[in-house]
N, C-alpha and C. Protein backbone atom coordinates (compact mmCIF):
# COMPACT_ATOMS: atom_id res chain seq x y z
N MET A 1 -32.68 20.74 -2.54
CA MET A 1 -32.78 19.42 -1.97
C MET A 1 -32.60 18.35 -3.03
N MET A 2 -33.32 18.50 -4.16
CA MET A 2 -33.26 17.50 -5.22
C MET A 2 -31.85 17.47 -5.85
N ASN A 3 -31.20 18.65 -5.95
CA ASN A 3 -29.83 18.72 -6.50
C ASN A 3 -28.88 17.92 -5.65
N SER A 4 -28.97 18.03 -4.32
CA SER A 4 -28.05 17.30 -3.47
C SER A 4 -28.35 15.80 -3.51
N ILE A 5 -29.59 15.42 -3.65
CA ILE A 5 -29.93 13.99 -3.75
C ILE A 5 -29.33 13.40 -5.01
N ILE A 6 -29.50 14.12 -6.16
CA ILE A 6 -28.91 13.62 -7.41
C ILE A 6 -27.42 13.53 -7.35
N SER A 7 -26.77 14.58 -6.83
CA SER A 7 -25.31 14.58 -6.69
C SER A 7 -24.81 13.47 -5.78
N THR A 8 -25.47 13.28 -4.66
CA THR A 8 -25.07 12.24 -3.72
C THR A 8 -25.25 10.85 -4.33
N THR A 9 -26.37 10.62 -5.04
CA THR A 9 -26.61 9.36 -5.67
C THR A 9 -25.52 9.05 -6.72
N LEU A 10 -25.18 10.04 -7.58
CA LEU A 10 -24.15 9.83 -8.56
C LEU A 10 -22.79 9.57 -7.92
N ILE A 11 -22.48 10.23 -6.82
CA ILE A 11 -21.19 10.02 -6.15
C ILE A 11 -21.18 8.58 -5.58
N LEU A 12 -22.24 8.15 -4.95
CA LEU A 12 -22.28 6.80 -4.36
C LEU A 12 -22.18 5.74 -5.45
N VAL A 13 -22.84 5.93 -6.58
CA VAL A 13 -22.73 4.97 -7.67
C VAL A 13 -21.29 4.88 -8.17
N THR A 14 -20.63 6.02 -8.32
CA THR A 14 -19.24 6.05 -8.77
C THR A 14 -18.35 5.29 -7.77
N ILE A 15 -18.51 5.53 -6.48
CA ILE A 15 -17.74 4.81 -5.46
C ILE A 15 -18.00 3.33 -5.50
N LEU A 16 -19.28 2.96 -5.67
CA LEU A 16 -19.61 1.56 -5.74
C LEU A 16 -18.90 0.88 -6.92
N PHE A 17 -18.95 1.50 -8.08
CA PHE A 17 -18.24 0.95 -9.24
C PHE A 17 -16.78 0.86 -8.98
N SER A 18 -16.18 1.90 -8.35
CA SER A 18 -14.74 1.92 -8.08
C SER A 18 -14.34 0.78 -7.15
N ALA A 19 -15.19 0.45 -6.20
CA ALA A 19 -14.84 -0.56 -5.23
C ALA A 19 -15.08 -2.00 -5.73
N THR A 20 -15.92 -2.16 -6.69
CA THR A 20 -16.31 -3.54 -7.10
C THR A 20 -15.91 -3.93 -8.51
N CYS A 21 -15.35 -3.03 -9.28
CA CYS A 21 -15.12 -3.33 -10.69
C CYS A 21 -13.89 -4.18 -10.91
N MET A 22 -14.01 -5.15 -11.80
CA MET A 22 -12.90 -5.91 -12.32
C MET A 22 -13.20 -6.16 -13.80
N ALA A 23 -12.41 -5.58 -14.68
CA ALA A 23 -12.73 -5.63 -16.09
C ALA A 23 -11.72 -6.46 -16.82
N GLU A 24 -12.09 -6.72 -18.08
CA GLU A 24 -11.09 -7.41 -18.93
C GLU A 24 -9.97 -6.41 -19.25
N ASN A 25 -8.84 -6.93 -19.62
CA ASN A 25 -7.65 -6.11 -19.82
C ASN A 25 -7.81 -5.15 -20.97
N GLU A 26 -7.57 -3.85 -20.76
CA GLU A 26 -7.51 -2.88 -21.81
C GLU A 26 -6.09 -2.98 -22.37
N THR A 27 -5.97 -3.44 -23.62
CA THR A 27 -4.62 -3.63 -24.19
C THR A 27 -4.00 -2.35 -24.64
N LYS A 28 -4.77 -1.32 -24.88
CA LYS A 28 -4.29 0.00 -25.32
C LYS A 28 -4.66 1.01 -24.25
N PRO A 29 -3.73 1.62 -23.55
CA PRO A 29 -4.09 2.43 -22.36
C PRO A 29 -4.70 3.80 -22.68
N TRP A 30 -4.36 4.42 -23.79
CA TRP A 30 -4.86 5.74 -24.12
C TRP A 30 -6.15 5.70 -24.90
N TYR A 31 -7.01 6.72 -24.75
CA TYR A 31 -8.18 6.82 -25.58
C TYR A 31 -8.51 8.28 -25.82
N ALA A 32 -9.19 8.55 -26.95
CA ALA A 32 -9.64 9.89 -27.29
C ALA A 32 -10.98 9.72 -28.01
N GLY A 33 -11.82 10.75 -27.93
CA GLY A 33 -13.09 10.64 -28.60
C GLY A 33 -13.86 11.96 -28.69
N VAL A 34 -15.07 11.83 -29.16
CA VAL A 34 -15.97 12.96 -29.30
C VAL A 34 -17.25 12.65 -28.55
N SER A 35 -17.97 13.70 -28.10
CA SER A 35 -19.23 13.50 -27.44
C SER A 35 -20.26 14.49 -27.96
N VAL A 36 -21.50 14.07 -28.05
CA VAL A 36 -22.59 14.94 -28.40
C VAL A 36 -23.73 14.65 -27.44
N GLY A 37 -24.58 15.61 -27.21
CA GLY A 37 -25.68 15.35 -26.29
C GLY A 37 -26.67 16.52 -26.24
N VAL A 38 -27.58 16.40 -25.33
CA VAL A 38 -28.62 17.41 -25.11
C VAL A 38 -28.59 17.77 -23.63
N MET A 39 -28.43 19.06 -23.32
CA MET A 39 -28.44 19.53 -21.97
C MET A 39 -29.81 20.15 -21.67
N ASN A 40 -30.29 19.97 -20.45
CA ASN A 40 -31.58 20.51 -20.05
C ASN A 40 -31.45 21.17 -18.68
N ASN A 41 -31.82 22.45 -18.62
CA ASN A 41 -31.84 23.15 -17.37
C ASN A 41 -33.07 22.72 -16.64
N LYS A 42 -32.93 22.03 -15.48
CA LYS A 42 -34.07 21.46 -14.77
C LYS A 42 -35.00 22.54 -14.16
N ASN A 43 -34.47 23.80 -14.02
CA ASN A 43 -35.27 24.85 -13.47
C ASN A 43 -36.10 25.60 -14.56
N THR A 44 -35.68 25.47 -15.80
CA THR A 44 -36.36 26.14 -16.89
C THR A 44 -36.70 25.16 -17.97
N VAL A 45 -37.99 24.88 -18.15
CA VAL A 45 -38.42 23.79 -19.01
C VAL A 45 -37.94 23.97 -20.45
N ASN A 46 -37.94 25.18 -20.94
CA ASN A 46 -37.61 25.41 -22.36
C ASN A 46 -36.13 25.73 -22.62
N ASP A 47 -35.28 25.55 -21.62
CA ASP A 47 -33.89 25.87 -21.83
C ASP A 47 -33.09 24.57 -22.15
N LYS A 48 -33.29 24.09 -23.33
CA LYS A 48 -32.58 22.89 -23.81
C LYS A 48 -31.64 23.28 -24.92
N GLY A 49 -30.59 22.49 -25.07
CA GLY A 49 -29.66 22.83 -26.14
C GLY A 49 -28.66 21.71 -26.37
N ALA A 50 -28.11 21.76 -27.57
CA ALA A 50 -27.09 20.78 -27.95
C ALA A 50 -25.81 21.01 -27.18
N MET A 51 -25.06 19.93 -26.99
CA MET A 51 -23.75 19.99 -26.34
C MET A 51 -22.80 19.11 -27.18
N TYR A 52 -21.61 19.58 -27.42
CA TYR A 52 -20.63 18.78 -28.15
C TYR A 52 -19.26 19.04 -27.56
N GLY A 53 -18.38 18.01 -27.68
CA GLY A 53 -17.05 18.16 -27.07
C GLY A 53 -16.07 17.12 -27.47
N LEU A 54 -14.89 17.26 -26.92
CA LEU A 54 -13.76 16.31 -27.11
C LEU A 54 -13.38 15.74 -25.78
N LEU A 55 -12.98 14.49 -25.73
CA LEU A 55 -12.53 13.86 -24.48
C LEU A 55 -11.36 12.96 -24.73
N GLY A 56 -10.66 12.64 -23.67
CA GLY A 56 -9.52 11.77 -23.72
C GLY A 56 -9.18 11.23 -22.34
N GLY A 57 -8.44 10.14 -22.31
CA GLY A 57 -8.09 9.58 -21.02
C GLY A 57 -7.00 8.51 -21.10
N TYR A 58 -6.67 8.03 -19.90
CA TYR A 58 -5.65 6.99 -19.78
C TYR A 58 -6.13 5.96 -18.75
N HIS A 59 -6.08 4.68 -19.11
CA HIS A 59 -6.51 3.61 -18.23
C HIS A 59 -5.41 3.36 -17.18
N LEU A 60 -5.73 3.63 -15.89
CA LEU A 60 -4.84 3.36 -14.77
C LEU A 60 -4.78 1.88 -14.45
N THR A 61 -5.96 1.27 -14.43
CA THR A 61 -6.11 -0.18 -14.18
C THR A 61 -7.07 -0.72 -15.21
N GLU A 62 -7.41 -1.96 -15.03
CA GLU A 62 -8.37 -2.61 -15.94
C GLU A 62 -9.76 -1.96 -15.86
N TRP A 63 -10.08 -1.33 -14.75
CA TRP A 63 -11.44 -0.80 -14.58
C TRP A 63 -11.48 0.68 -14.24
N LEU A 64 -10.35 1.34 -14.08
CA LEU A 64 -10.32 2.75 -13.68
C LEU A 64 -9.45 3.55 -14.60
N SER A 65 -9.95 4.71 -15.02
CA SER A 65 -9.16 5.58 -15.87
C SER A 65 -9.28 7.04 -15.43
N VAL A 66 -8.31 7.83 -15.84
CA VAL A 66 -8.33 9.27 -15.63
C VAL A 66 -8.86 9.85 -16.93
N GLU A 67 -9.81 10.80 -16.85
CA GLU A 67 -10.44 11.30 -18.07
C GLU A 67 -10.55 12.84 -18.01
N ALA A 68 -10.42 13.47 -19.17
CA ALA A 68 -10.63 14.89 -19.32
C ALA A 68 -11.56 15.14 -20.48
N GLU A 69 -12.39 16.19 -20.36
CA GLU A 69 -13.32 16.52 -21.43
C GLU A 69 -13.47 18.05 -21.53
N ILE A 70 -13.59 18.53 -22.75
CA ILE A 70 -13.86 19.96 -22.99
C ILE A 70 -15.11 19.97 -23.89
N SER A 71 -16.16 20.71 -23.47
CA SER A 71 -17.36 20.75 -24.30
C SER A 71 -18.02 22.10 -24.26
N LYS A 72 -18.90 22.30 -25.21
CA LYS A 72 -19.59 23.56 -25.33
C LYS A 72 -21.11 23.29 -25.38
N HIS A 73 -21.85 24.00 -24.56
CA HIS A 73 -23.33 23.95 -24.57
C HIS A 73 -23.72 25.06 -25.54
N ASN A 74 -24.65 24.76 -26.41
CA ASN A 74 -24.91 25.66 -27.55
C ASN A 74 -25.14 27.13 -27.13
N THR A 75 -24.88 28.00 -28.11
CA THR A 75 -25.08 29.41 -27.91
C THR A 75 -26.58 29.72 -28.10
N VAL A 76 -27.14 30.47 -27.18
CA VAL A 76 -28.59 30.79 -27.21
C VAL A 76 -28.76 32.29 -27.31
N LYS A 77 -29.66 32.69 -28.20
CA LYS A 77 -30.03 34.11 -28.28
C LYS A 77 -31.31 34.28 -27.46
N LYS A 78 -31.28 35.27 -26.60
CA LYS A 78 -32.44 35.55 -25.75
C LYS A 78 -32.89 37.03 -25.90
N ARG A 79 -34.11 37.26 -25.47
CA ARG A 79 -34.63 38.60 -25.48
C ARG A 79 -35.05 38.99 -24.07
N PHE A 80 -34.58 40.16 -23.64
CA PHE A 80 -34.84 40.65 -22.30
C PHE A 80 -35.66 41.92 -22.42
N GLU A 81 -36.73 42.03 -21.64
CA GLU A 81 -37.57 43.26 -21.65
C GLU A 81 -37.21 44.09 -20.42
N ASP A 82 -36.87 45.32 -20.69
CA ASP A 82 -36.59 46.25 -19.58
C ASP A 82 -37.94 46.81 -19.14
N SER A 83 -38.36 46.48 -17.93
CA SER A 83 -39.70 46.87 -17.48
C SER A 83 -39.82 48.38 -17.24
N TYR A 84 -38.73 49.08 -17.06
CA TYR A 84 -38.80 50.55 -16.85
C TYR A 84 -38.98 51.30 -18.15
N SER A 85 -38.25 50.91 -19.17
CA SER A 85 -38.30 51.68 -20.44
C SER A 85 -39.17 51.00 -21.48
N ASN A 86 -39.63 49.76 -21.20
CA ASN A 86 -40.39 48.96 -22.19
C ASN A 86 -39.63 48.70 -23.46
N LEU A 87 -38.33 48.65 -23.36
CA LEU A 87 -37.49 48.31 -24.50
C LEU A 87 -37.04 46.87 -24.42
N TYR A 88 -36.82 46.26 -25.59
CA TYR A 88 -36.31 44.88 -25.65
C TYR A 88 -34.85 44.91 -25.98
N VAL A 89 -34.12 44.06 -25.33
CA VAL A 89 -32.69 43.93 -25.58
C VAL A 89 -32.44 42.49 -25.99
N ASP A 90 -31.83 42.25 -27.13
CA ASP A 90 -31.44 40.92 -27.57
C ASP A 90 -30.02 40.68 -27.14
N PHE A 91 -29.73 39.49 -26.59
CA PHE A 91 -28.35 39.17 -26.21
C PHE A 91 -28.10 37.68 -26.44
N THR A 92 -26.84 37.36 -26.49
CA THR A 92 -26.39 35.98 -26.72
C THR A 92 -25.71 35.45 -25.46
N GLN A 93 -25.98 34.19 -25.11
CA GLN A 93 -25.31 33.57 -23.98
C GLN A 93 -24.84 32.17 -24.37
N SER A 94 -23.76 31.68 -23.76
CA SER A 94 -23.26 30.36 -24.01
C SER A 94 -22.68 29.79 -22.73
N ASN A 95 -22.57 28.49 -22.67
CA ASN A 95 -22.00 27.81 -21.56
C ASN A 95 -20.88 26.86 -22.05
N GLU A 96 -19.76 26.84 -21.34
CA GLU A 96 -18.67 25.94 -21.70
C GLU A 96 -18.34 25.14 -20.46
N PHE A 97 -17.77 23.92 -20.68
CA PHE A 97 -17.55 22.98 -19.62
C PHE A 97 -16.23 22.25 -19.82
N ALA A 98 -15.46 22.11 -18.75
CA ALA A 98 -14.26 21.29 -18.78
C ALA A 98 -14.29 20.36 -17.59
N PHE A 99 -13.87 19.11 -17.78
CA PHE A 99 -13.95 18.10 -16.74
C PHE A 99 -12.61 17.38 -16.61
N VAL A 100 -12.21 17.11 -15.41
CA VAL A 100 -11.07 16.24 -15.11
C VAL A 100 -11.47 15.36 -13.95
N GLY A 101 -11.31 14.04 -14.10
CA GLY A 101 -11.71 13.17 -13.03
C GLY A 101 -11.45 11.72 -13.32
N LEU A 102 -12.11 10.83 -12.61
CA LEU A 102 -11.96 9.39 -12.74
C LEU A 102 -13.19 8.77 -13.35
N ARG A 103 -12.96 7.77 -14.21
CA ARG A 103 -14.03 6.99 -14.79
C ARG A 103 -13.85 5.53 -14.41
N ALA A 104 -14.91 4.93 -13.85
CA ALA A 104 -14.91 3.51 -13.49
C ALA A 104 -15.82 2.78 -14.40
N THR A 105 -15.43 1.57 -14.81
CA THR A 105 -16.24 0.75 -15.72
C THR A 105 -16.40 -0.65 -15.14
N LYS A 106 -17.61 -1.12 -15.19
CA LYS A 106 -17.92 -2.50 -14.76
C LYS A 106 -18.46 -3.28 -15.96
N PRO A 107 -17.58 -4.05 -16.64
CA PRO A 107 -18.02 -4.79 -17.78
C PRO A 107 -18.95 -5.97 -17.39
N LEU A 108 -19.89 -6.25 -18.22
CA LEU A 108 -20.70 -7.44 -18.11
C LEU A 108 -20.48 -8.25 -19.37
N GLY A 109 -19.45 -9.04 -19.37
CA GLY A 109 -19.04 -9.74 -20.59
C GLY A 109 -18.00 -8.91 -21.35
N ARG A 110 -17.82 -9.26 -22.62
CA ARG A 110 -16.78 -8.62 -23.44
C ARG A 110 -17.25 -7.37 -24.16
N ILE A 111 -18.56 -7.14 -24.26
CA ILE A 111 -19.08 -6.03 -25.09
C ILE A 111 -19.77 -4.98 -24.24
N PHE A 112 -20.68 -5.35 -23.36
CA PHE A 112 -21.52 -4.43 -22.65
C PHE A 112 -20.97 -4.14 -21.23
N GLY A 113 -21.23 -2.96 -20.72
CA GLY A 113 -20.83 -2.65 -19.36
C GLY A 113 -21.47 -1.39 -18.81
N PHE A 114 -21.31 -1.16 -17.53
CA PHE A 114 -21.78 0.06 -16.88
C PHE A 114 -20.58 0.95 -16.62
N THR A 115 -20.83 2.24 -16.60
CA THR A 115 -19.73 3.19 -16.40
C THR A 115 -20.21 4.37 -15.55
N ALA A 116 -19.31 4.96 -14.81
CA ALA A 116 -19.60 6.15 -14.01
C ALA A 116 -18.34 6.98 -13.93
N ARG A 117 -18.52 8.30 -13.79
CA ARG A 117 -17.38 9.13 -13.61
C ARG A 117 -17.65 10.23 -12.59
N LEU A 118 -16.60 10.69 -11.94
CA LEU A 118 -16.72 11.68 -10.92
C LEU A 118 -15.46 12.53 -10.93
N GLY A 119 -15.64 13.82 -10.86
CA GLY A 119 -14.47 14.68 -10.84
C GLY A 119 -14.81 16.14 -10.72
N ALA A 120 -13.85 16.99 -11.02
CA ALA A 120 -14.02 18.44 -10.96
C ALA A 120 -14.54 18.95 -12.31
N GLY A 121 -15.54 19.78 -12.27
CA GLY A 121 -16.04 20.42 -13.48
C GLY A 121 -15.81 21.92 -13.38
N TYR A 122 -15.27 22.49 -14.42
CA TYR A 122 -15.09 23.92 -14.54
C TYR A 122 -16.10 24.41 -15.56
N THR A 123 -16.98 25.30 -15.18
CA THR A 123 -17.99 25.78 -16.10
C THR A 123 -17.89 27.31 -16.24
N ARG A 124 -18.24 27.79 -17.44
CA ARG A 124 -18.19 29.22 -17.67
C ARG A 124 -19.46 29.63 -18.38
N TYR A 125 -20.13 30.65 -17.79
CA TYR A 125 -21.30 31.27 -18.39
C TYR A 125 -20.80 32.55 -19.08
N LYS A 126 -21.20 32.76 -20.31
CA LYS A 126 -20.73 33.93 -21.03
C LYS A 126 -21.91 34.54 -21.78
N SER A 127 -22.09 35.86 -21.65
CA SER A 127 -23.10 36.54 -22.37
C SER A 127 -22.54 37.87 -22.91
N ASP A 128 -23.36 38.58 -23.62
CA ASP A 128 -22.91 39.90 -24.15
C ASP A 128 -22.62 40.85 -23.05
N PHE A 129 -23.16 40.63 -21.82
CA PHE A 129 -23.06 41.57 -20.77
C PHE A 129 -22.07 41.14 -19.66
N GLU A 130 -21.88 39.88 -19.47
CA GLU A 130 -21.05 39.39 -18.35
C GLU A 130 -20.50 37.99 -18.61
N GLN A 131 -19.57 37.62 -17.74
CA GLN A 131 -18.99 36.29 -17.79
C GLN A 131 -18.74 35.81 -16.37
N GLU A 132 -19.14 34.60 -16.05
CA GLU A 132 -18.94 34.03 -14.72
C GLU A 132 -18.41 32.61 -14.83
N THR A 133 -17.64 32.19 -13.84
CA THR A 133 -17.12 30.83 -13.83
C THR A 133 -17.44 30.14 -12.50
N LEU A 134 -17.42 28.84 -12.52
CA LEU A 134 -17.73 28.03 -11.33
C LEU A 134 -16.96 26.70 -11.40
N VAL A 135 -16.34 26.35 -10.27
CA VAL A 135 -15.70 25.03 -10.15
C VAL A 135 -16.56 24.22 -9.20
N ASN A 136 -16.93 23.00 -9.58
CA ASN A 136 -17.83 22.21 -8.77
C ASN A 136 -17.61 20.73 -9.08
N ILE A 137 -18.30 19.86 -8.36
CA ILE A 137 -18.23 18.42 -8.63
C ILE A 137 -19.18 18.13 -9.81
N SER A 138 -18.70 17.31 -10.75
CA SER A 138 -19.50 16.87 -11.87
C SER A 138 -19.48 15.34 -11.89
N SER A 139 -20.60 14.74 -12.27
CA SER A 139 -20.66 13.27 -12.28
C SER A 139 -21.55 12.80 -13.40
N ALA A 140 -21.41 11.51 -13.75
CA ALA A 140 -22.21 10.90 -14.81
C ALA A 140 -22.29 9.42 -14.55
N VAL A 141 -23.39 8.78 -14.96
CA VAL A 141 -23.54 7.35 -14.95
C VAL A 141 -24.14 6.91 -16.30
N GLY A 142 -23.78 5.71 -16.72
CA GLY A 142 -24.26 5.27 -18.02
C GLY A 142 -23.90 3.86 -18.36
N MET A 143 -24.01 3.57 -19.65
CA MET A 143 -23.72 2.22 -20.21
C MET A 143 -22.68 2.38 -21.30
N SER A 144 -21.91 1.33 -21.55
CA SER A 144 -20.93 1.38 -22.61
C SER A 144 -20.97 0.05 -23.42
N TRP A 145 -20.61 0.19 -24.69
CA TRP A 145 -20.50 -0.97 -25.58
C TRP A 145 -19.13 -0.90 -26.24
N ARG A 146 -18.46 -2.01 -26.25
CA ARG A 146 -17.10 -2.09 -26.85
C ARG A 146 -17.23 -2.85 -28.20
N ILE A 147 -16.61 -2.21 -29.20
CA ILE A 147 -16.51 -2.84 -30.52
C ILE A 147 -15.06 -2.67 -30.99
N LYS A 148 -14.28 -3.73 -30.88
CA LYS A 148 -12.85 -3.72 -31.14
C LYS A 148 -12.16 -2.64 -30.32
N ASN A 149 -11.49 -1.67 -31.00
CA ASN A 149 -10.81 -0.60 -30.26
C ASN A 149 -11.68 0.60 -29.94
N TYR A 150 -12.96 0.50 -30.29
CA TYR A 150 -13.91 1.61 -30.07
C TYR A 150 -14.79 1.29 -28.86
N LYS A 151 -15.24 2.34 -28.19
CA LYS A 151 -16.20 2.19 -27.14
C LYS A 151 -17.22 3.29 -27.28
N ILE A 152 -18.51 2.90 -27.28
CA ILE A 152 -19.64 3.84 -27.34
C ILE A 152 -20.21 3.91 -25.93
N THR A 153 -20.39 5.15 -25.44
CA THR A 153 -20.87 5.37 -24.08
C THR A 153 -22.12 6.25 -24.15
N TYR A 154 -23.16 5.82 -23.45
CA TYR A 154 -24.39 6.60 -23.35
C TYR A 154 -24.59 6.87 -21.86
N GLU A 155 -24.66 8.15 -21.47
CA GLU A 155 -24.72 8.45 -20.06
C GLU A 155 -25.54 9.71 -19.73
N ILE A 156 -25.96 9.78 -18.48
CA ILE A 156 -26.62 10.97 -17.95
C ILE A 156 -25.57 11.72 -17.15
N GLN A 157 -25.47 12.98 -17.41
CA GLN A 157 -24.40 13.78 -16.81
C GLN A 157 -25.04 14.98 -16.05
N GLN A 158 -24.48 15.29 -14.90
CA GLN A 158 -24.94 16.46 -14.12
C GLN A 158 -23.86 17.49 -14.13
N ILE A 159 -24.22 18.74 -14.52
CA ILE A 159 -23.27 19.86 -14.59
C ILE A 159 -23.93 21.04 -13.93
N LYS A 160 -23.19 21.73 -13.06
CA LYS A 160 -23.73 22.96 -12.43
C LYS A 160 -23.07 24.15 -13.14
N TYR A 161 -23.92 24.96 -13.77
CA TYR A 161 -23.41 26.14 -14.48
C TYR A 161 -23.68 27.42 -13.70
N PRO A 162 -22.77 28.38 -13.75
CA PRO A 162 -23.07 29.70 -13.16
C PRO A 162 -24.04 30.38 -14.11
N GLU A 163 -24.88 31.23 -13.57
CA GLU A 163 -25.79 31.97 -14.41
C GLU A 163 -25.70 33.46 -14.06
N ALA A 164 -26.45 34.28 -14.75
CA ALA A 164 -26.37 35.70 -14.51
C ALA A 164 -26.70 36.03 -13.05
N ASN A 165 -26.18 37.13 -12.60
CA ASN A 165 -26.41 37.64 -11.23
C ASN A 165 -25.93 36.67 -10.13
N SER A 166 -24.84 35.95 -10.44
CA SER A 166 -24.23 35.05 -9.47
C SER A 166 -25.13 33.93 -8.99
N GLN A 167 -26.10 33.54 -9.80
CA GLN A 167 -26.94 32.38 -9.46
C GLN A 167 -26.29 31.13 -10.07
N GLU A 168 -26.75 29.98 -9.68
CA GLU A 168 -26.26 28.68 -10.22
C GLU A 168 -27.44 27.89 -10.70
N ASP A 169 -27.23 27.15 -11.80
CA ASP A 169 -28.25 26.27 -12.36
C ASP A 169 -27.70 24.90 -12.58
N ASN A 170 -28.46 23.90 -12.20
CA ASN A 170 -28.09 22.51 -12.44
C ASN A 170 -28.60 22.05 -13.79
N TYR A 171 -27.72 21.55 -14.61
CA TYR A 171 -28.12 21.01 -15.87
C TYR A 171 -27.98 19.49 -15.87
N LEU A 172 -28.93 18.82 -16.42
CA LEU A 172 -28.86 17.38 -16.61
C LEU A 172 -28.73 17.15 -18.11
N GLY A 173 -27.81 16.29 -18.52
CA GLY A 173 -27.61 16.09 -19.94
C GLY A 173 -27.57 14.62 -20.25
N VAL A 174 -27.90 14.29 -21.47
CA VAL A 174 -27.79 12.96 -22.00
C VAL A 174 -26.72 13.00 -23.07
N ASN A 175 -25.64 12.25 -22.90
CA ASN A 175 -24.52 12.29 -23.82
C ASN A 175 -24.32 10.94 -24.49
N LEU A 176 -23.84 11.00 -25.72
CA LEU A 176 -23.40 9.86 -26.46
C LEU A 176 -21.98 10.15 -26.93
N SER A 177 -21.06 9.27 -26.54
CA SER A 177 -19.68 9.50 -26.92
C SER A 177 -19.09 8.29 -27.64
N LEU A 178 -18.17 8.56 -28.50
CA LEU A 178 -17.46 7.51 -29.25
C LEU A 178 -15.96 7.71 -28.95
N ARG A 179 -15.34 6.66 -28.38
CA ARG A 179 -13.92 6.72 -28.00
C ARG A 179 -13.16 5.69 -28.78
N TYR A 180 -11.90 6.02 -29.05
CA TYR A 180 -11.00 5.09 -29.73
C TYR A 180 -9.79 4.83 -28.82
N ASN A 181 -9.49 3.59 -28.55
CA ASN A 181 -8.33 3.20 -27.72
C ASN A 181 -7.09 3.11 -28.63
N PHE A 182 -5.98 3.70 -28.14
CA PHE A 182 -4.73 3.59 -28.92
C PHE A 182 -3.57 3.48 -27.96
């Protein structure tokens, strides 16, 4: 229930920005950047980890752009106890994420603004024992600051990752990205 409320809210905010945004002219249409952040599995309190990635995009209009991102959620080593044999098994798992979608920006003046994005997210869960993939909607909302050809974005991002045994987990992340317009 909470997952659908969060997803619906992020979608509505993105649509609102898309319908009402009018920004100052982006003189350079292309941009590329890096992102870092912390991802948190909302179902498991102690499942936090670093996330880092690369992103790029093209400004379609003054307020709307097409964006793509590739990122990796840190590799985690876990220990599993086999209840039948009382043996412990150590294994490694990692999550990877790719995004393609739209980013809308609503500037408030020349420096500060609000931003939201919505699109398709491709996620992959990988461990020593198995690998699973999932395609789903991914969204984010946040704030941005423009400094000459650079833009700093701070946002909350929702990503749904596949997990072991064909289960799914919603991750919420806080990202900080630095983009350069060219």
